[in-house]
């Protein structure tokens, strides 16, 4: 699942409400971000604020911030997968992250100008972020976040975790962790976890959940606490639910793990 099709951690993309609206301003940087759990990372950023037309108060606000690996044997595999998920590329894509990022910006500009070429304009926001969010055993977690606003009452955000094999850089899928018939039993555990969480948070929300849709969805991360699944807005209920998450500990999952 890509970030755009999917976005708290799940860190929400910050809406830059006070961002300056200046004409055709672009800032593209490639900077060292630091070292995470023994591997060195960098940060690709691209920020833009472009008015719908000269003198207009409505603008296209775009921000891309993607952490990537700077070195190591799995660098290329991980970086290619991050770029592919972030920019909806084919799974076998490889190359410099700046190339698809530039095409992404150009496509967004074309779309905005096409939709806002007349007198009736609006402000759009497009925020794409990604960062390494921790390592557990031989698994590295990465999380892509996306916020999109196209006018109206609210925008929409998604959170899309990716789990990488720390030895090979390959993406880890549920099928790599679980036995063949895991989905039914794990779905039942997830539904129970969501129900308990909703009852604790706000019992009225529980009535909004279409519980039969709470199923393993390959949108997960791993930690010492277990496996956490993320369900995007509208995936298991109406927008009012927001992003729904549920964590099952390793003891619960043990019967279904390989």
Protein backbone atom coordinates (compact mmCIF):
# COMPACT_ATOMS: atom_id res chain seq x y z
CA UNK A 1 0.00 0.00 0.00
CA UNK A 2 1.46 3.36 -0.97
CA UNK A 3 1.38 6.45 1.19
CA UNK A 4 -0.75 8.37 -1.30
CA UNK A 5 -3.30 5.59 -1.68
CA UNK A 6 -3.40 4.66 1.85
CA UNK A 7 -1.63 8.58 6.45
CA UNK A 8 0.03 10.25 14.89
CA UNK A 9 3.58 8.00 15.30
CA UNK A 10 1.97 7.99 13.85
CA UNK A 11 2.98 11.32 13.55
CA UNK A 12 0.56 13.52 11.77
CA UNK A 13 1.89 15.75 9.04
CA UNK A 14 2.00 19.28 10.45
CA UNK A 15 -0.11 21.76 8.53
CA UNK A 16 2.10 24.74 7.86
CA UNK A 17 -0.67 27.31 8.32
CA UNK A 18 1.79 30.18 8.61
CA UNK A 19 3.91 29.16 5.66
CA UNK A 20 4.80 32.17 3.47
CA UNK A 21 2.90 32.33 0.21
CA UNK A 22 5.57 33.52 -2.19
CA UNK A 23 5.61 32.98 -5.92
CA UNK A 24 7.36 29.88 -7.25
CA UNK A 25 9.53 29.36 -4.18
CA UNK A 26 11.35 26.05 -4.09
CA UNK A 27 13.74 24.73 -1.46
CA UNK A 28 15.33 21.39 -2.20
CA UNK A 29 18.01 20.05 0.14
CA UNK A 30 19.78 16.79 0.74
CA UNK A 31 21.13 16.76 4.30
CA UNK A 32 22.62 14.30 6.78
CA UNK A 33 20.02 13.34 9.36
CA UNK A 34 22.18 11.25 11.68
CA UNK A 35 22.60 7.68 12.80
CA UNK A 36 19.72 5.36 13.71
CA UNK A 37 20.35 2.08 15.51
CA UNK A 38 23.77 1.64 13.95
CA UNK A 39 23.00 2.73 10.38
CA UNK A 40 23.63 6.18 8.94
CA UNK A 41 20.71 8.12 7.47
CA UNK A 42 20.14 11.24 5.41
CA UNK A 43 17.10 13.39 4.76
CA UNK A 44 15.65 14.45 1.42
CA UNK A 45 13.42 17.52 1.64
CA UNK A 46 11.50 19.57 -0.89
CA UNK A 47 9.21 22.44 0.22
CA UNK A 48 7.14 24.73 -1.93
CA UNK A 49 4.53 27.47 -1.58
CA UNK A 50 3.10 28.56 -4.92
CA UNK A 51 0.12 30.95 -5.28
CA UNK A 52 -2.68 29.95 -7.65
CA UNK A 53 -1.81 33.12 -9.55
CA UNK A 54 0.08 36.32 -8.83
CA UNK A 55 -1.51 38.19 -5.95
CA UNK A 56 -3.76 35.29 -4.99
CA UNK A 57 -4.22 34.34 -1.34
CA UNK A 58 -4.79 30.70 -2.38
CA UNK A 59 -1.73 28.56 -2.81
CA UNK A 60 -0.35 25.11 -3.39
CA UNK A 61 1.59 24.11 -0.29
CA UNK A 62 3.78 21.07 -0.71
CA UNK A 63 6.29 19.41 1.60
CA UNK A 64 8.33 16.25 1.10
CA UNK A 65 10.62 14.95 3.85
CA UNK A 66 11.96 11.41 3.44
CA UNK A 67 14.67 9.80 5.52
CA UNK A 68 16.94 7.39 3.64
CA UNK A 69 19.98 5.20 4.25
CA UNK A 70 23.37 6.72 3.39
CA UNK A 71 25.46 3.55 3.57
CA UNK A 72 25.38 -0.19 4.11
CA UNK A 73 24.71 -3.31 2.08
CA UNK A 74 20.93 -2.89 2.24
CA UNK A 75 21.01 0.82 1.33
CA UNK A 76 19.85 0.49 -2.25
CA UNK A 77 17.12 -2.07 -1.53
CA UNK A 78 15.66 0.02 1.29
CA UNK A 79 15.91 3.38 -0.49
CA UNK A 80 14.38 2.02 -3.68
CA UNK A 81 11.47 0.53 -1.73
CA UNK A 82 10.89 3.78 0.17
CA UNK A 83 10.83 5.77 -3.07
CA UNK A 84 8.55 3.23 -4.75
CA UNK A 85 6.03 3.34 -1.91
CA UNK A 86 6.23 7.11 -1.47
CA UNK A 87 5.78 7.98 -5.15
CA UNK A 88 3.66 5.04 -6.38
CA UNK A 89 6.39 3.51 -8.52
CA UNK A 90 6.71 -0.09 -9.61
CA UNK A 91 8.26 -2.45 -7.08
CA UNK A 92 11.35 -2.96 -9.25
CA UNK A 93 12.13 0.77 -9.47
CA UNK A 94 15.72 1.82 -8.69
CA UNK A 95 17.58 5.11 -8.82
CA UNK A 96 18.08 8.49 -7.16
CA UNK A 97 15.15 9.55 -4.97
CA UNK A 98 15.42 13.10 -6.35
CA UNK A 99 14.17 11.99 -9.78
CA UNK A 100 10.72 10.69 -8.80
CA UNK A 101 10.44 13.46 -6.20
CA UNK A 102 10.91 16.07 -8.93
CA UNK A 103 8.31 14.39 -11.16
CA UNK A 104 5.95 14.21 -8.18
CA UNK A 105 6.28 17.98 -7.65
CA UNK A 106 5.79 18.77 -11.34
CA UNK A 107 2.72 16.54 -11.55
CA UNK A 108 1.22 18.16 -8.47
CA UNK A 109 1.81 21.65 -9.91
CA UNK A 110 0.15 20.69 -13.19
CA UNK A 111 -2.83 19.22 -11.35
CA UNK A 112 -3.21 22.30 -9.16
CA UNK A 113 -2.96 24.80 -11.99
CA UNK A 114 -5.43 22.80 -14.07
CA UNK A 115 -7.98 22.74 -11.27
CA UNK A 116 -7.35 26.34 -10.16
CA UNK A 117 -6.83 28.15 -13.44
CA UNK A 118 -9.89 30.39 -13.26
CA UNK A 119 -11.29 32.86 -10.78
CA UNK A 120 -12.52 30.14 -8.39
CA UNK A 121 -9.39 28.93 -6.63
CA UNK A 122 -8.57 27.16 -3.40
CA UNK A 123 -5.57 26.31 -1.25
CA UNK A 124 -4.25 22.77 -1.54
CA UNK A 125 -1.86 21.07 0.85
CA UNK A 126 0.21 18.01 0.12
CA UNK A 127 2.53 16.71 2.87
CA UNK A 128 4.56 13.55 2.39
CA UNK A 129 6.92 12.33 5.11
CA UNK A 130 8.90 9.23 5.93
CA UNK A 131 11.29 8.17 8.66
CA UNK A 132 12.87 5.15 10.29
CA UNK A 133 10.88 4.50 13.45
CA UNK A 134 12.88 1.83 15.23
CA UNK A 135 14.50 -1.58 14.94
CA UNK A 136 13.46 -4.80 16.67
CA UNK A 137 15.59 -7.92 16.29
CA UNK A 138 16.25 -8.32 12.56
CA UNK A 139 13.46 -5.98 11.49
CA UNK A 140 13.69 -2.27 10.70
CA UNK A 141 10.54 -0.14 10.82
CA UNK A 142 9.89 2.74 8.47
CA UNK A 143 6.71 4.84 8.42
CA UNK A 144 5.34 6.89 5.54
CA UNK A 145 2.83 9.62 6.37
CA UNK A 146 0.72 11.53 3.90
CA UNK A 147 -1.66 14.47 4.35
CA UNK A 148 -3.78 15.81 1.53
CA UNK A 149 -6.19 18.76 1.54
CA UNK A 150 -8.13 19.72 -1.56
CA UNK A 151 -10.62 22.12 -0.03
CA UNK A 152 -13.74 21.44 1.99
CA UNK A 153 -14.17 20.71 5.67
CA UNK A 154 -11.05 18.65 6.19
CA UNK A 155 -8.11 16.91 4.62
CA UNK A 156 -7.20 13.26 4.90
CA UNK A 157 -4.11 11.62 6.31
CA UNK A 158 -2.73 8.10 6.13
CA UNK A 159 0.01 6.20 7.94
CA UNK A 160 1.77 3.43 6.05
CA UNK A 161 4.43 1.44 7.93
CA UNK A 162 7.02 -0.65 6.12
CA UNK A 163 9.00 -3.43 7.80
CA UNK A 164 12.41 -4.25 6.32
CA UNK A 165 14.61 -7.28 6.85
CA UNK A 166 17.74 -5.75 8.42
CA UNK A 167 19.96 -8.36 6.73
CA UNK A 168 18.65 -8.20 3.17
CA UNK A 169 16.69 -4.96 2.91
CA UNK A 170 13.66 -6.86 1.60
CA UNK A 171 10.17 -5.77 2.63
CA UNK A 172 8.67 -8.12 5.21
CA UNK A 173 5.05 -9.13 4.55
CA UNK A 174 2.60 -10.83 6.89
CA UNK A 175 3.04 -14.04 4.96
CA UNK A 176 6.73 -14.02 5.92
CA UNK A 177 5.83 -14.02 9.62
CA UNK A 178 2.70 -16.16 9.88
CA UNK A 179 1.62 -19.70 9.09
CA UNK A 180 -0.79 -20.29 6.22
CA UNK A 181 -4.09 -20.15 8.11
CA UNK A 182 -3.35 -17.12 10.29
CA UNK A 183 -5.86 -14.59 8.95
CA UNK A 184 -9.05 -15.82 10.64
CA UNK A 185 -7.63 -16.25 14.17
CA UNK A 186 -5.57 -13.05 13.98
CA UNK A 187 -8.58 -11.10 12.67
CA UNK A 188 -10.59 -12.26 15.71
CA UNK A 189 -7.81 -11.05 18.02
CA UNK A 190 -7.61 -7.72 16.20
CA UNK A 191 -11.36 -7.19 16.43
CA UNK A 192 -11.26 -7.88 20.16
CA UNK A 193 -8.35 -5.44 20.58
CA UNK A 194 -10.09 -2.69 18.60
CA UNK A 195 -13.31 -3.17 20.60
CA UNK A 196 -11.44 -2.86 23.92
CA UNK A 197 -9.56 0.20 22.71
CA UNK A 198 -12.71 1.93 21.49
CA UNK A 199 -14.61 1.16 24.71
CA UNK A 200 -11.77 2.71 26.71
CA UNK A 201 -11.38 5.76 24.46
CA UNK A 202 -14.99 6.52 23.57
CA UNK A 203 -17.66 3.84 23.66
CA UNK A 204 -19.75 5.73 21.10
CA UNK A 205 -17.01 5.22 18.52
CA UNK A 206 -17.36 1.46 18.75
CA UNK A 207 -20.72 1.67 17.03
CA UNK A 208 -19.04 3.24 14.01
CA UNK A 209 -16.63 0.38 13.43
CA UNK A 210 -17.52 -2.13 10.75
CA UNK A 211 -15.87 -4.90 12.71
CA UNK A 212 -15.90 -7.44 9.89
CA UNK A 213 -13.49 -5.14 8.03
CA UNK A 214 -10.91 -5.31 10.84
CA UNK A 215 -8.62 -7.87 9.23
CA UNK A 216 -4.85 -8.28 8.85
CA UNK A 217 -4.02 -5.81 6.06
CA UNK A 218 -0.22 -5.93 5.69
CA UNK A 219 -0.07 -2.38 7.10
CA UNK A 220 1.90 -3.14 10.26
CA UNK A 221 5.02 -2.48 12.30
CA UNK A 222 6.93 -4.65 14.80
CA UNK A 223 8.37 -3.93 18.24
CA UNK A 224 9.10 -5.57 21.59
CA UNK A 225 5.41 -5.04 22.37
CA UNK A 226 4.24 -7.12 19.43
CA UNK A 227 2.80 -6.27 16.03
CA UNK A 228 0.73 -3.14 15.50
CA UNK A 229 -1.72 -2.89 12.60
CA UNK A 230 -2.90 0.43 11.16
CA UNK A 231 -6.27 0.99 9.48
CA UNK A 232 -6.60 4.14 7.38
CA UNK A 233 -9.52 6.60 7.48
CA UNK A 234 -12.58 4.98 5.88
CA UNK A 235 -10.95 1.53 5.92
CA UNK A 236 -13.01 0.17 8.83
CA UNK A 237 -15.56 2.93 9.31
CA UNK A 238 -16.42 6.59 8.61
CA UNK A 239 -14.00 9.51 8.65
CA UNK A 240 -14.94 10.32 12.28
CA UNK A 241 -12.99 7.26 13.41
CA UNK A 242 -9.76 8.65 11.99
CA UNK A 243 -6.82 6.26 11.96
CA UNK A 244 -7.52 3.06 13.89
CA UNK A 245 -4.70 0.95 15.32
CA UNK A 246 -4.46 -2.28 17.27
CA UNK A 247 -1.47 -4.08 18.81
CA UNK A 248 -1.28 -7.81 19.49
CA UNK A 249 1.53 -8.97 21.75
CA UNK A 250 3.90 -11.77 20.81
CA UNK A 251 2.30 -14.16 23.29
CA UNK A 252 -1.08 -13.77 21.61
CA UNK A 253 0.46 -14.25 18.19
CA UNK A 254 2.78 -17.15 19.04
CA UNK A 255 0.40 -19.93 17.84
CA UNK A 256 0.23 -18.36 14.39
CA UNK A 257 3.86 -17.37 13.86
CA UNK A 258 6.26 -19.39 11.76
